Protein backbone atom coordinates (compact mmCIF):
# COMPACT_ATOMS: atom_id res chain seq x y z
CA VAL A 1 7.34 105.72 234.90
CA ASN A 2 3.83 105.32 235.60
CA ILE A 3 2.66 101.93 235.57
CA GLN A 4 -0.22 101.25 238.14
CA LYS A 5 -1.36 97.83 237.55
CA LEU A 6 0.84 94.92 235.66
CA PRO A 7 -0.70 92.55 233.26
CA GLN A 8 -1.76 89.30 234.72
CA ASN A 9 0.16 87.37 232.16
CA LEU A 10 3.48 89.45 232.15
CA LEU A 11 5.58 86.64 233.33
CA GLN A 12 3.60 83.61 231.53
CA ASN A 13 6.54 82.90 229.21
CA CYS A 14 9.60 83.55 231.52
CA PRO A 15 9.79 80.65 233.40
CA ASN A 16 13.53 81.04 234.01
CA ILE A 17 13.56 84.64 235.15
CA LYS A 18 15.73 85.33 238.09
CA GLU A 19 14.87 88.48 239.28
CA PHE A 20 11.73 91.04 239.03
CA ARG A 21 12.15 94.55 239.44
CA VAL A 22 9.60 97.27 239.08
CA GLN A 23 10.83 100.14 241.30
CA LYS A 24 9.31 103.69 241.51
CA ALA A 25 6.87 103.06 238.80
CA LYS A 26 3.55 104.13 240.87
CA LEU A 27 2.40 100.36 240.97
CA LYS A 28 -0.82 100.16 242.97
CA ASP A 29 -1.63 96.37 242.22
CA VAL A 30 0.32 93.07 241.60
CA PRO A 31 -2.05 90.35 240.08
CA GLU A 32 -1.85 87.08 242.72
CA ASP A 33 -0.83 84.69 240.27
CA LEU A 34 1.87 86.92 238.47
CA PHE A 35 4.88 84.59 239.74
CA ASN A 36 2.96 81.41 239.05
CA GLN A 37 5.18 80.26 236.66
CA THR A 38 8.64 81.62 238.05
CA LYS A 39 9.56 79.06 240.37
CA GLY A 40 13.20 79.86 240.05
CA ILE A 41 12.94 83.34 240.99
CA GLN A 42 15.62 84.84 243.65
CA ILE A 43 14.61 88.66 243.80
CA ILE A 44 11.53 90.64 243.74
CA ASP A 45 11.84 94.46 244.28
CA LEU A 46 8.73 96.39 244.17
CA ALA A 47 10.04 99.01 246.12
CA GLY A 48 8.92 102.92 245.58
CA ASN A 49 5.49 102.21 244.51
CA GLU A 50 2.19 102.72 245.96
CA ILE A 51 1.10 99.11 246.56
CA LYS A 52 -1.11 99.18 249.74
CA SER A 53 -1.87 95.32 250.31
CA ILE A 54 -0.05 92.11 249.29
CA LYS A 55 -2.27 89.48 248.27
CA PRO A 56 -2.38 86.15 250.48
CA LEU A 57 -1.00 84.13 247.65
CA LEU A 58 1.37 86.45 245.57
CA PHE A 59 4.59 84.74 246.87
CA ARG A 60 3.47 81.13 247.06
CA ASN A 61 5.64 78.52 245.57
CA LEU A 62 8.89 80.63 245.12
CA PRO A 63 11.19 78.10 246.90
CA HIS A 64 14.25 79.91 245.71
CA LEU A 65 13.19 83.74 246.72
CA LYS A 66 15.75 85.20 248.59
CA THR A 67 15.39 88.77 248.25
CA LEU A 68 12.25 90.50 248.71
CA ARG A 69 11.80 94.46 248.35
CA LEU A 70 8.98 96.02 249.21
CA HIS A 71 9.95 99.22 251.11
CA TYR A 72 8.99 102.68 250.10
CA ASN A 73 5.36 101.59 249.42
CA ASN A 74 2.14 102.38 251.29
CA ILE A 75 1.45 98.73 252.61
CA GLU A 76 -1.19 98.76 255.28
CA ASP A 77 -2.03 95.03 255.36
CA ILE A 78 -0.28 91.90 255.04
CA ASN A 79 -1.81 88.45 255.17
CA ASN A 80 -0.12 86.24 258.33
CA ASN A 81 -0.17 83.24 255.86
CA ILE A 82 1.76 85.05 252.57
CA PHE A 83 4.69 82.85 253.07
CA ASN A 84 2.87 79.57 253.88
CA TYR A 85 2.19 77.27 250.63
């Protein structure tokens, strides 16, 4: 699979989603407000992609997030306040 970028409104009508997985898809970028309407999400798995940086507000307002998988990416930069909201 070759999905380099996710649509910004991909999860717009999915407020009850519990898991989000995009693995080994050559993903390079994740929109900063992708998870804005998914407050109940518990698992985010973006392993095995080509992500270089994590936007500072990407994981804000996710109080139920228990598992975050980012391994096997090319992450060079993670903001110190990534989980502060």
